[in-house]
Amino acid sequence: MAIDLNFDNLTLAVFTLNGRMVKLKRFKTPLRKILTHRIWIERIQKRYPKSWRYIKEVRRAIEKHGERIKNISWDYSHKVGDLIANLALKYSSIIVLENLDKLRDNAKKNRVQ
């Protein structure tokens, strides 16, 4: 089973042991919707650059958009995770997670050189 996550979509491919593709599925990601809420938060903070922390209604609006971001991402990740687990069970696939430790450090090293 191979999974590729991009900004606009998540692509899932299930292969047999001999390398034949059994299933290919694409899911649209909600990252644009999340980014929209993040932009709203930044606009609110820009409108009240020094005082947004001290105005209750402004803080409440920022928290509301933050909650929406959290709910959208949580819902999507759990739905896709359950679907991936069900597909792996159905096709007797193995899910292998890649080790992403120090990914940022390695990317920064390549940029400097």
PDB file of N, CA and C in Angstrom:
ATOM      1  N   MET A   1       0.852  -1.165   0.000  1.00  0.00           N
ATOM      2  CA  MET A   1       0.000   0.000   0.000  1.00  0.00           C
ATOM      3  C   MET A   1       0.903   1.234   0.000  1.00  0.00           C
ATOM      4  N   ALA A   2       0.640   2.133  -0.923  1.00  0.00           N
ATOM      5  CA  ALA A   2       1.416   3.369  -1.026  1.00  0.00           C
ATOM      6  C   ALA A   2       0.472   4.557  -0.864  1.00  0.00           C
ATOM      7  N   ILE A   3       0.914   5.546  -0.104  1.00  0.00           N
ATOM      8  CA  ILE A   3       0.102   6.735   0.143  1.00  0.00           C
ATOM      9  C   ILE A   3       0.940   7.957  -0.190  1.00  0.00           C
ATOM     10  N   ASP A   4       0.366   8.860  -0.975  1.00  0.00           N
ATOM     11  CA  ASP A   4       1.036  10.104  -1.332  1.00  0.00           C
ATOM     12  C   ASP A   4       0.123  11.257  -0.934  1.00  0.00           C
ATOM     13  N   LEU A   5       0.608  12.122  -0.053  1.00  0.00           N
ATOM     14  CA  LEU A   5      -0.179  13.251   0.427  1.00  0.00           C
ATOM     15  C   LEU A   5       0.364  14.533  -0.178  1.00  0.00           C
ATOM     16  N   ASN A   6      -0.498  15.234  -0.890  1.00  0.00           N
ATOM     17  CA  ASN A   6      -0.164  16.525  -1.473  1.00  0.00           C
ATOM     18  C   ASN A   6      -1.099  17.569  -0.880  1.00  0.00           C
ATOM     19  N   PHE A   7      -0.972  18.825  -1.325  1.00  0.00           N
ATOM     20  CA  PHE A   7      -1.812  19.887  -0.788  1.00  0.00           C
ATOM     21  C   PHE A   7      -3.272  19.684  -1.170  1.00  0.00           C
ATOM     22  N   ASP A   8      -3.526  19.299  -2.406  1.00  0.00           N
ATOM     23  CA  ASP A   8      -4.904  19.184  -2.891  1.00  0.00           C
ATOM     24  C   ASP A   8      -5.510  17.799  -2.764  1.00  0.00           C
ATOM     25  N   ASN A   9      -4.674  16.761  -2.740  1.00  0.00           N
ATOM     26  CA  ASN A   9      -5.261  15.427  -2.687  1.00  0.00           C
ATOM     27  C   ASN A   9      -4.361  14.431  -1.966  1.00  0.00           C
ATOM     28  N   LEU A  10      -4.970  13.331  -1.580  1.00  0.00           N
ATOM     29  CA  LEU A  10      -4.267  12.192  -1.005  1.00  0.00           C
ATOM     30  C   LEU A  10      -4.520  11.029  -1.950  1.00  0.00           C
ATOM     31  N   THR A  11      -3.460  10.408  -2.440  1.00  0.00           N
ATOM     32  CA  THR A  11      -3.595   9.293  -3.371  1.00  0.00           C
ATOM     33  C   THR A  11      -3.184   8.014  -2.657  1.00  0.00           C
ATOM     34  N   LEU A  12      -4.009   7.001  -2.789  1.00  0.00           N
ATOM     35  CA  LEU A  12      -3.791   5.727  -2.126  1.00  0.00           C
ATOM     36  C   LEU A  12      -3.769   4.641  -3.190  1.00  0.00           C
ATOM     37  N   ALA A  13      -2.703   3.851  -3.202  1.00  0.00           N
ATOM     38  CA  ALA A  13      -2.586   2.746  -4.161  1.00  0.00           C
ATOM     39  C   ALA A  13      -2.332   1.451  -3.390  1.00  0.00           C
ATOM     40  N   VAL A  14      -3.086   0.415  -3.730  1.00  0.00           N
ATOM     41  CA  VAL A  14      -2.923  -0.893  -3.098  1.00  0.00           C
ATOM     42  C   VAL A  14      -2.361  -1.843  -4.144  1.00  0.00           C
ATOM     43  N   PHE A  15      -1.260  -2.503  -3.799  1.00  0.00           N
ATOM     44  CA  PHE A  15      -0.575  -3.415  -4.719  1.00  0.00           C
ATOM     45  C   PHE A  15      -0.605  -4.835  -4.176  1.00  0.00           C
ATOM     46  N   THR A  16      -0.519  -5.819  -5.089  1.00  0.00           N
ATOM     47  CA  THR A  16      -0.373  -7.215  -4.687  1.00  0.00           C
ATOM     48  C   THR A  16       1.106  -7.497  -4.481  1.00  0.00           C
ATOM     49  N   LEU A  17       1.424  -8.712  -4.046  1.00  0.00           N
ATOM     50  CA  LEU A  17       2.824  -9.068  -3.800  1.00  0.00           C
ATOM     51  C   LEU A  17       3.664  -9.070  -5.072  1.00  0.00           C
ATOM     52  N   ASN A  18       3.054  -9.379  -6.226  1.00  0.00           N
ATOM     53  CA  ASN A  18       3.815  -9.395  -7.467  1.00  0.00           C
ATOM     54  C   ASN A  18       3.897  -8.014  -8.120  1.00  0.00           C
ATOM     55  N   GLY A  19       3.362  -6.972  -7.461  1.00  0.00           N
ATOM     56  CA  GLY A  19       3.504  -5.607  -7.959  1.00  0.00           C
ATOM     57  C   GLY A  19       2.344  -5.080  -8.773  1.00  0.00           C
ATOM     58  N   ARG A  20       1.291  -5.882  -8.942  1.00  0.00           N
ATOM     59  CA  ARG A  20       0.129  -5.437  -9.705  1.00  0.00           C
ATOM     60  C   ARG A  20      -0.749  -4.529  -8.843  1.00  0.00           C
ATOM     61  N   MET A  21      -1.195  -3.420  -9.418  1.00  0.00           N
ATOM     62  CA  MET A  21      -2.040  -2.494  -8.670  1.00  0.00           C
ATOM     63  C   MET A  21      -3.466  -3.024  -8.615  1.00  0.00           C
ATOM     64  N   VAL A  22      -4.012  -3.086  -7.415  1.00  0.00           N
ATOM     65  CA  VAL A  22      -5.363  -3.598  -7.210  1.00  0.00           C
ATOM     66  C   VAL A  22      -6.351  -2.444  -7.138  1.00  0.00           C
ATOM     67  N   LYS A  23      -5.975  -1.380  -6.459  1.00  0.00           N
ATOM     68  CA  LYS A  23      -6.912  -0.283  -6.237  1.00  0.00           C
ATOM     69  C   LYS A  23      -6.142   1.032  -6.196  1.00  0.00           C
ATOM     70  N   LEU A  24      -6.731   2.057  -6.821  1.00  0.00           N
ATOM     71  CA  LEU A  24      -6.180   3.407  -6.780  1.00  0.00           C
ATOM     72  C   LEU A  24      -7.317   4.347  -6.393  1.00  0.00           C
ATOM     73  N   LYS A  25      -7.129   5.071  -5.303  1.00  0.00           N
ATOM     74  CA  LYS A  25      -8.162   5.982  -4.815  1.00  0.00           C
ATOM     75  C   LYS A  25      -7.550   7.345  -4.563  1.00  0.00           C
ATOM     76  N   ARG A  26      -8.309   8.384  -4.862  1.00  0.00           N
ATOM     77  CA  ARG A  26      -7.883   9.754  -4.574  1.00  0.00           C
ATOM     78  C   ARG A  26      -8.917  10.402  -3.668  1.00  0.00           C
ATOM     79  N   PHE A  27      -8.411  11.138  -2.700  1.00  0.00           N
ATOM     80  CA  PHE A  27      -9.269  11.876  -1.778  1.00  0.00           C
ATOM     81  C   PHE A  27      -8.856  13.336  -1.818  1.00  0.00           C
ATOM     82  N   LYS A  28      -9.840  14.213  -1.854  1.00  0.00           N
ATOM     83  CA  LYS A  28      -9.561  15.638  -1.819  1.00  0.00           C
ATOM     84  C   LYS A  28      -9.248  16.024  -0.376  1.00  0.00           C
ATOM     85  N   THR A  29      -8.203  16.801  -0.160  1.00  0.00           N
ATOM     86  CA  THR A  29      -7.850  17.219   1.193  1.00  0.00           C
ATOM     87  C   THR A  29      -8.528  18.545   1.536  1.00  0.00           C
ATOM     88  N   PRO A  30      -8.805  18.773   2.809  1.00  0.00           N
ATOM     89  CA  PRO A  30      -9.447  20.025   3.220  1.00  0.00           C
ATOM     90  C   PRO A  30      -8.443  21.128   3.549  1.00  0.00           C
ATOM     91  N   LEU A  31      -7.232  21.027   3.029  1.00  0.00           N
ATOM     92  CA  LEU A  31      -6.195  21.990   3.421  1.00  0.00           C
ATOM     93  C   LEU A  31      -6.499  23.406   2.941  1.00  0.00           C
ATOM     94  N   ARG A  32      -7.190  23.555   1.825  1.00  0.00           N
ATOM     95  CA  ARG A  32      -7.569  24.905   1.374  1.00  0.00           C
ATOM     96  C   ARG A  32      -8.558  25.549   2.351  1.00  0.00           C
ATOM     97  N   LYS A  33      -9.490  24.746   2.853  1.00  0.00           N
ATOM     98  CA  LYS A  33     -10.461  25.258   3.814  1.00  0.00           C
ATOM     99  C   LYS A  33      -9.756  25.652   5.116  1.00  0.00           C
ATOM    100  N   ILE A  34      -8.804  24.838   5.546  1.00  0.00           N
ATOM    101  CA  ILE A  34      -8.023  25.149   6.745  1.00  0.00           C
ATOM    102  C   ILE A  34      -7.216  26.420   6.539  1.00  0.00           C
ATOM    103  N   LEU A  35      -6.608  26.551   5.375  1.00  0.00           N
ATOM    104  CA  LEU A  35      -5.820  27.745   5.069  1.00  0.00           C
ATOM    105  C   LEU A  35      -6.691  28.995   5.059  1.00  0.00           C
ATOM    106  N   THR A  36      -7.925  28.877   4.588  1.00  0.00           N
ATOM    107  CA  THR A  36      -8.844  30.011   4.588  1.00  0.00           C
ATOM    108  C   THR A  36      -9.107  30.495   6.009  1.00  0.00           C
ATOM    109  N   HIS A  37      -9.336  29.565   6.925  1.00  0.00           N
ATOM    110  CA  HIS A  37      -9.558  29.957   8.317  1.00  0.00           C
ATOM    111  C   HIS A  37      -8.297  30.571   8.929  1.00  0.00           C
ATOM    112  N   ARG A  38      -7.138  30.059   8.547  1.00  0.00           N
ATOM    113  CA  ARG A  38      -5.879  30.628   9.045  1.00  0.00           C
ATOM    114  C   ARG A  38      -5.709  32.065   8.540  1.00  0.00           C
ATOM    115  N   ILE A  39      -6.097  32.309   7.294  1.00  0.00           N
ATOM    116  CA  ILE A  39      -6.017  33.655   6.725  1.00  0.00           C
ATOM    117  C   ILE A  39      -6.961  34.592   7.469  1.00  0.00           C
ATOM    118  N   TRP A  40      -8.160  34.104   7.835  1.00  0.00           N
ATOM    119  CA  TRP A  40      -9.088  34.929   8.609  1.00  0.00           C
ATOM    120  C   TRP A  40      -8.487  35.312   9.958  1.00  0.00           C
ATOM    121  N   ILE A  41      -7.845  34.361  10.611  1.00  0.00           N
ATOM    122  CA  ILE A  41      -7.203  34.650  11.895  1.00  0.00           C
ATOM    123  C   ILE A  41      -6.136  35.729  11.724  1.00  0.00           C
ATOM    124  N   GLU A  42      -5.326  35.596  10.687  1.00  0.00           N
ATOM    125  CA  GLU A  42      -4.259  36.580  10.455  1.00  0.00           C
ATOM    126  C   GLU A  42      -4.825  37.962  10.126  1.00  0.00           C
ATOM    127  N   ARG A  43      -5.931  38.014   9.402  1.00  0.00           N
ATOM    128  CA  ARG A  43      -6.567  39.305   9.103  1.00  0.00           C
ATOM    129  C   ARG A  43      -7.076  39.978  10.371  1.00  0.00           C
ATOM    130  N   ILE A  44      -7.677  39.180  11.239  1.00  0.00           N
ATOM    131  CA  ILE A  44      -8.162  39.738  12.500  1.00  0.00           C
ATOM    132  C   ILE A  44      -6.993  40.270  13.323  1.00  0.00           C
ATOM    133  N   GLN A  45      -5.918  39.509  13.391  1.00  0.00           N
ATOM    134  CA  GLN A  45      -4.755  39.942  14.167  1.00  0.00           C
ATOM    135  C   GLN A  45      -4.106  41.177  13.555  1.00  0.00           C
ATOM    136  N   LYS A  46      -4.149  41.282  12.230  1.00  0.00           N
ATOM    137  CA  LYS A  46      -3.580  42.458  11.573  1.00  0.00           C
ATOM    138  C   LYS A  46      -4.445  43.699  11.828  1.00  0.00           C
ATOM    139  N   ARG A  47      -5.762  43.523  11.908  1.00  0.00           N
ATOM    140  CA  ARG A  47      -6.661  44.633  12.136  1.00  0.00           C
ATOM    141  C   ARG A  47      -6.473  45.219  13.537  1.00  0.00           C
ATOM    142  N   TYR A  48      -6.126  44.358  14.500  1.00  0.00           N
ATOM    143  CA  TYR A  48      -5.887  44.795  15.878  1.00  0.00           C
ATOM    144  C   TYR A  48      -4.466  44.389  16.278  1.00  0.00           C
ATOM    145  N   PRO A  49      -3.447  45.038  15.725  1.00  0.00           N
ATOM    146  CA  PRO A  49      -2.076  44.534  15.888  1.00  0.00           C
ATOM    147  C   PRO A  49      -1.583  44.474  17.331  1.00  0.00           C
ATOM    148  N   LYS A  50      -1.954  45.447  18.153  1.00  0.00           N
ATOM    149  CA  LYS A  50      -1.413  45.457  19.510  1.00  0.00           C
ATOM    150  C   LYS A  50      -2.427  45.031  20.562  1.00  0.00           C
ATOM    151  N   SER A  51      -3.710  45.121  20.236  1.00  0.00           N
ATOM    152  CA  SER A  51      -4.706  44.927  21.287  1.00  0.00           C
ATOM    153  C   SER A  51      -5.564  43.685  21.122  1.00  0.00           C
ATOM    154  N   TRP A  52      -5.322  42.818  20.132  1.00  0.00           N
ATOM    155  CA  TRP A  52      -6.239  41.702  19.912  1.00  0.00           C
ATOM    156  C   TRP A  52      -6.256  40.724  21.076  1.00  0.00           C
ATOM    157  N   ARG A  53      -5.178  40.654  21.830  1.00  0.00           N
ATOM    158  CA  ARG A  53      -5.122  39.731  22.970  1.00  0.00           C
ATOM    159  C   ARG A  53      -6.022  40.175  24.124  1.00  0.00           C
ATOM    160  N   TYR A  54      -6.336  41.475  24.169  1.00  0.00           N
ATOM    161  CA  TYR A  54      -7.036  42.032  25.320  1.00  0.00           C
ATOM    162  C   TYR A  54      -8.523  42.311  25.055  1.00  0.00           C
ATOM    163  N   ILE A  55      -8.968  42.135  23.824  1.00  0.00           N
ATOM    164  CA  ILE A  55     -10.369  42.364  23.491  1.00  0.00           C
ATOM    165  C   ILE A  55     -11.059  41.008  23.418  1.00  0.00           C
ATOM    166  N   LYS A  56     -12.048  40.810  24.285  1.00  0.00           N
ATOM    167  CA  LYS A  56     -12.679  39.501  24.430  1.00  0.00           C
ATOM    168  C   LYS A  56     -13.332  39.015  23.142  1.00  0.00           C
ATOM    169  N   GLU A  57     -14.050  39.893  22.438  1.00  0.00           N
ATOM    170  CA  GLU A  57     -14.744  39.475  21.214  1.00  0.00           C
ATOM    171  C   GLU A  57     -13.765  39.079  20.114  1.00  0.00           C
ATOM    172  N   VAL A  58     -12.653  39.800  20.028  1.00  0.00           N
ATOM    173  CA  VAL A  58     -11.639  39.485  19.016  1.00  0.00           C
ATOM    174  C   VAL A  58     -10.993  38.142  19.341  1.00  0.00           C
ATOM    175  N   ARG A  59     -10.664  37.945  20.610  1.00  0.00           N
ATOM    176  CA  ARG A  59     -10.085  36.654  21.028  1.00  0.00           C
ATOM    177  C   ARG A  59     -11.054  35.518  20.752  1.00  0.00           C
ATOM    178  N   ARG A  60     -12.340  35.755  20.999  1.00  0.00           N
ATOM    179  CA  ARG A  60     -13.354  34.728  20.764  1.00  0.00           C
ATOM    180  C   ARG A  60     -13.451  34.382  19.273  1.00  0.00           C
ATOM    181  N   ALA A  61     -13.369  35.390  18.403  1.00  0.00           N
ATOM    182  CA  ALA A  61     -13.413  35.139  16.950  1.00  0.00           C
ATOM    183  C   ALA A  61     -12.202  34.322  16.512  1.00  0.00           C
ATOM    184  N   ILE A  62     -11.026  34.656  17.049  1.00  0.00           N
ATOM    185  CA  ILE A  62      -9.812  33.903  16.710  1.00  0.00           C
ATOM    186  C   ILE A  62      -9.927  32.464  17.213  1.00  0.00           C
ATOM    187  N   GLU A  63     -10.423  32.285  18.428  1.00  0.00           N
ATOM    188  CA  GLU A  63     -10.590  30.936  18.967  1.00  0.00           C
ATOM    189  C   GLU A  63     -11.589  30.124  18.146  1.00  0.00           C
ATOM    190  N   LYS A  64     -12.647  30.786  17.665  1.00  0.00           N
ATOM    191  CA  LYS A  64     -13.667  30.100  16.862  1.00  0.00           C
ATOM    192  C   LYS A  64     -13.050  29.553  15.572  1.00  0.00           C
ATOM    193  N   HIS A  65     -12.251  30.372  14.901  1.00  0.00           N
ATOM    194  CA  HIS A  65     -11.598  29.898  13.671  1.00  0.00           C
ATOM    195  C   HIS A  65     -10.569  28.815  13.985  1.00  0.00           C
ATOM    196  N   GLY A  66      -9.884  28.946  15.109  1.00  0.00           N
ATOM    197  CA  GLY A  66      -8.931  27.911  15.516  1.00  0.00           C
ATOM    198  C   GLY A  66      -9.615  26.584  15.789  1.00  0.00           C
ATOM    199  N   GLU A  67     -10.774  26.642  16.430  1.00  0.00           N
ATOM    200  CA  GLU A  67     -11.543  25.415  16.674  1.00  0.00           C
ATOM    201  C   GLU A  67     -11.987  24.775  15.363  1.00  0.00           C
ATOM    202  N   ARG A  68     -12.399  25.615  14.415  1.00  0.00           N
ATOM    203  CA  ARG A  68     -12.815  25.076  13.112  1.00  0.00           C
ATOM    204  C   ARG A  68     -11.653  24.380  12.424  1.00  0.00           C
ATOM    205  N   ILE A  69     -10.478  24.986  12.482  1.00  0.00           N
ATOM    206  CA  ILE A  69      -9.279  24.368  11.887  1.00  0.00           C
ATOM    207  C   ILE A  69      -9.034  23.011  12.532  1.00  0.00           C
ATOM    208  N   LYS A  70      -9.080  22.975  13.857  1.00  0.00           N
ATOM    209  CA  LYS A  70      -8.823  21.729  14.583  1.00  0.00           C
ATOM    210  C   LYS A  70      -9.859  20.670  14.243  1.00  0.00           C
ATOM    211  N   ASN A  71     -11.134  21.061  14.188  1.00  0.00           N
ATOM    212  CA  ASN A  71     -12.206  20.101  13.890  1.00  0.00           C
ATOM    213  C   ASN A  71     -12.108  19.550  12.474  1.00  0.00           C
ATOM    214  N   ILE A  72     -11.811  20.413  11.509  1.00  0.00           N
ATOM    215  CA  ILE A  72     -11.686  19.972  10.110  1.00  0.00           C
ATOM    216  C   ILE A  72     -10.547  18.979   9.973  1.00  0.00           C
ATOM    217  N   SER A  73      -9.387  19.308  10.542  1.00  0.00           N
ATOM    218  CA  SER A  73      -8.220  18.429  10.393  1.00  0.00           C
ATOM    219  C   SER A  73      -8.421  17.113  11.150  1.00  0.00           C
ATOM    220  N   TRP A  74      -9.018  17.170  12.349  1.00  0.00           N
ATOM    221  CA  TRP A  74      -9.252  15.958  13.124  1.00  0.00           C
ATOM    222  C   TRP A  74     -10.218  15.028  12.395  1.00  0.00           C
ATOM    223  N   ASP A  75     -11.309  15.593  11.893  1.00  0.00           N
ATOM    224  CA  ASP A  75     -12.315  14.799  11.200  1.00  0.00           C
ATOM    225  C   ASP A  75     -11.730  14.129   9.964  1.00  0.00           C
ATOM    226  N   TYR A  76     -10.996  14.897   9.165  1.00  0.00           N
ATOM    227  CA  TYR A  76     -10.417  14.352   7.936  1.00  0.00           C
ATOM    228  C   TYR A  76      -9.404  13.255   8.233  1.00  0.00           C
ATOM    229  N   SER A  77      -8.513  13.519   9.181  1.00  0.00           N
ATOM    230  CA  SER A  77      -7.468  12.530   9.461  1.00  0.00           C
ATOM    231  C   SER A  77      -8.056  11.226  10.000  1.00  0.00           C
ATOM    232  N   HIS A  78      -9.081  11.314  10.823  1.00  0.00           N
ATOM    233  CA  HIS A  78      -9.668  10.094  11.348  1.00  0.00           C
ATOM    234  C   HIS A  78     -10.471   9.330  10.293  1.00  0.00           C
ATOM    235  N   LYS A  79     -11.189  10.041   9.442  1.00  0.00           N
ATOM    236  CA  LYS A  79     -11.933   9.358   8.381  1.00  0.00           C
ATOM    237  C   LYS A  79     -10.991   8.657   7.410  1.00  0.00           C
ATOM    238  N   VAL A  80      -9.937   9.348   6.993  1.00  0.00           N
ATOM    239  CA  VAL A  80      -8.990   8.745   6.049  1.00  0.00           C
ATOM    240  C   VAL A  80      -8.205   7.621   6.722  1.00  0.00           C
ATOM    241  N   GLY A  81      -7.847   7.807   7.982  1.00  0.00           N
ATOM    242  CA  GLY A  81      -7.137   6.746   8.705  1.00  0.00           C
ATOM    243  C   GLY A  81      -7.957   5.483   8.820  1.00  0.00           C
ATOM    244  N   ASP A  82      -9.240   5.623   9.135  1.00  0.00           N
ATOM    245  CA  ASP A  82     -10.125   4.453   9.214  1.00  0.00           C
ATOM    246  C   ASP A  82     -10.270   3.786   7.852  1.00  0.00           C
ATOM    247  N   LEU A  83     -10.399   4.596   6.802  1.00  0.00           N
ATOM    248  CA  LEU A  83     -10.541   4.037   5.457  1.00  0.00           C
ATOM    249  C   LEU A  83      -9.277   3.281   5.034  1.00  0.00           C
ATOM    250  N   ILE A  84      -8.119   3.832   5.349  1.00  0.00           N
ATOM    251  CA  ILE A  84      -6.854   3.162   5.021  1.00  0.00           C
ATOM    252  C   ILE A  84      -6.742   1.851   5.788  1.00  0.00           C
ATOM    253  N   ALA A  85      -7.097   1.865   7.060  1.00  0.00           N
ATOM    254  CA  ALA A  85      -7.037   0.634   7.855  1.00  0.00           C
ATOM    255  C   ALA A  85      -8.001  -0.416   7.312  1.00  0.00           C
ATOM    256  N   ASN A  86      -9.198  -0.008   6.912  1.00  0.00           N
ATOM    257  CA  ASN A  86     -10.162  -0.960   6.347  1.00  0.00           C
ATOM    258  C   ASN A  86      -9.684  -1.529   5.017  1.00  0.00           C
ATOM    259  N   LEU A  87      -9.094  -0.683   4.155  1.00  0.00           N
ATOM    260  CA  LEU A  87      -8.554  -1.184   2.884  1.00  0.00           C
ATOM    261  C   LEU A  87      -7.384  -2.137   3.118  1.00  0.00           C
ATOM    262  N   ALA A  88      -6.532  -1.813   4.080  1.00  0.00           N
ATOM    263  CA  ALA A  88      -5.408  -2.702   4.382  1.00  0.00           C
ATOM    264  C   ALA A  88      -5.907  -4.049   4.883  1.00  0.00           C
ATOM    265  N   LEU A  89      -6.947  -4.031   5.686  1.00  0.00           N
ATOM    266  CA  LEU A  89      -7.524  -5.277   6.183  1.00  0.00           C
ATOM    267  C   LEU A  89      -8.180  -6.069   5.055  1.00  0.00           C
ATOM    268  N   LYS A  90      -8.897  -5.376   4.183  1.00  0.00           N
ATOM    269  CA  LYS A  90      -9.609  -6.031   3.077  1.00  0.00           C
ATOM    270  C   LYS A  90      -8.643  -6.708   2.112  1.00  0.00           C
ATOM    271  N   TYR A  91      -7.541  -6.034   1.776  1.00  0.00           N
ATOM    272  CA  TYR A  91      -6.584  -6.580   0.813  1.00  0.00           C
ATOM    273  C   TYR A  91      -5.387  -7.245   1.476  1.00  0.00           C
ATOM    274  N   SER A  92      -5.429  -7.452   2.779  1.00  0.00           N
ATOM    275  CA  SER A  92      -4.338  -8.052   3.556  1.00  0.00           C
ATOM    276  C   SER A  92      -3.014  -7.338   3.283  1.00  0.00           C
ATOM    277  N   SER A  93      -3.062  -6.026   3.315  1.00  0.00           N
ATOM    278  CA  SER A  93      -1.869  -5.219   3.060  1.00  0.00           C
ATOM    279  C   SER A  93      -1.159  -4.904   4.367  1.00  0.00           C
ATOM    280  N   ILE A  94       0.080  -4.517   4.211  1.00  0.00           N
ATOM    281  CA  ILE A  94       0.892  -4.082   5.345  1.00  0.00           C
ATOM    282  C   ILE A  94       1.076  -2.585   5.213  1.00  0.00           C
ATOM    283  N   ILE A  95       0.867  -1.872   6.307  1.00  0.00           N
ATOM    284  CA  ILE A  95       1.090  -0.425   6.311  1.00  0.00           C
ATOM    285  C   ILE A  95       2.467  -0.191   6.913  1.00  0.00           C
ATOM    286  N   VAL A  96       3.349   0.396   6.130  1.00  0.00           N
ATOM    287  CA  VAL A  96       4.706   0.689   6.574  1.00  0.00           C
ATOM    288  C   VAL A  96       4.839   2.196   6.674  1.00  0.00           C
ATOM    289  N   LEU A  97       5.263   2.671   7.839  1.00  0.00           N
ATOM    290  CA  LEU A  97       5.455   4.098   8.050  1.00  0.00           C
ATOM    291  C   LEU A  97       6.925   4.427   7.861  1.00  0.00           C
ATOM    292  N   GLU A  98       7.179   5.495   7.161  1.00  0.00           N
ATOM    293  CA  GLU A  98       8.549   5.886   6.906  1.00  0.00           C
ATOM    294  C   GLU A  98       9.051   6.727   8.068  1.00  0.00           C
ATOM    295  N   ASN A  99      10.343   6.629   8.358  1.00  0.00           N
ATOM    296  CA  ASN A  99      10.939   7.360   9.465  1.00  0.00           C
ATOM    297  C   ASN A  99      11.227   8.786   9.009  1.00  0.00           C
ATOM    298  N   LEU A 100      10.503   9.747   9.568  1.00  0.00           N
ATOM    299  CA  LEU A 100      10.659  11.143   9.165  1.00  0.00           C
ATOM    300  C   LEU A 100      11.420  11.962  10.202  1.00  0.00           C
ATOM    301  N   ASP A 101      12.140  11.292  11.101  1.00  0.00           N
ATOM    302  CA  ASP A 101      12.940  12.021  12.080  1.00  0.00           C
ATOM    303  C   ASP A 101      13.994  12.856  11.373  1.00  0.00           C
ATOM    304  N   LYS A 102      14.206  14.022  11.866  1.00  0.00           N
ATOM    305  CA  LYS A 102      15.222  14.952  11.360  1.00  0.00           C
ATOM    306  C   LYS A 102      15.000  15.341   9.908  1.00  0.00           C
ATOM    307  N   LEU A 103      13.764  15.287   9.431  1.00  0.00           N
ATOM    308  CA  LEU A 103      13.459  15.655   8.049  1.00  0.00           C
ATOM    309  C   LEU A 103      13.738  17.129   7.814  1.00  0.00           C
ATOM    310  N   ARG A 104      13.330  17.969   8.752  1.00  0.00           N
ATOM    311  CA  ARG A 104      13.570  19.409   8.605  1.00  0.00           C
ATOM    312  C   ARG A 104      15.053  19.732   8.641  1.00  0.00           C
ATOM    313  N   ASP A 105      15.792  19.080   9.541  1.00  0.00           N
ATOM    314  CA  ASP A 105      17.230  19.342   9.637  1.00  0.00           C
ATOM    315  C   ASP A 105      17.933  18.972   8.340  1.00  0.00           C
ATOM    316  N   ASN A 106      17.570  17.837   7.767  1.00  0.00           N
ATOM    317  CA  ASN A 106      18.187  17.417   6.504  1.00  0.00           C
ATOM    318  C   ASN A 106      17.819  18.355   5.361  1.00  0.00           C
ATOM    319  N   ALA A 107      16.591  18.856   5.348  1.00  0.00           N
ATOM    320  CA  ALA A 107      16.181  19.771   4.288  1.00  0.00           C
ATOM    321  C   ALA A 107      16.935  21.086   4.406  1.00  0.00           C
ATOM    322  N   LYS A 108      17.182  21.546   5.621  1.00  0.00           N
ATOM    323  CA  LYS A 108      17.930  22.790   5.815  1.00  0.00           C
ATOM    324  C   LYS A 108      19.384  22.620   5.393  1.00  0.00           C
ATOM    325  N   LYS A 109      19.978  21.461   5.655  1.00  0.00           N
ATOM    326  CA  LYS A 109      21.366  21.214   5.269  1.00  0.00           C
ATOM    327  C   LYS A 109      21.513  21.274   3.747  1.00  0.00           C
ATOM    328  N   ASN A 110      20.572  20.684   3.031  1.00  0.00           N
ATOM    329  CA  ASN A 110      20.643  20.675   1.582  1.00  0.00           C
ATOM    330  C   ASN A 110      20.506  22.084   1.018  1.00  0.00           C
ATOM    331  N   ARG A 111      19.732  22.927   1.661  1.00  0.00           N
ATOM    332  CA  ARG A 111      19.518  24.291   1.198  1.00  0.00           C
ATOM    333  C   ARG A 111      20.781  25.138   1.383  1.00  0.00           C
ATOM    334  N   VAL A 112      21.524  24.909   2.462  1.00  0.00           N
ATOM    335  CA  VAL A 112      22.706  25.704   2.779  1.00  0.00           C
ATOM    336  C   VAL A 112      23.835  25.399   1.814  1.00  0.00           C
ATOM    337  N   GLN A 113      24.005  24.175   1.442  1.00  0.00           N
ATOM    338  CA  GLN A 113      25.156  23.755   0.624  1.00  0.00           C
ATOM    339  C   GLN A 113      25.103  24.269  -0.767  1.00  0.00           C
TER     340      GLN A 113
END
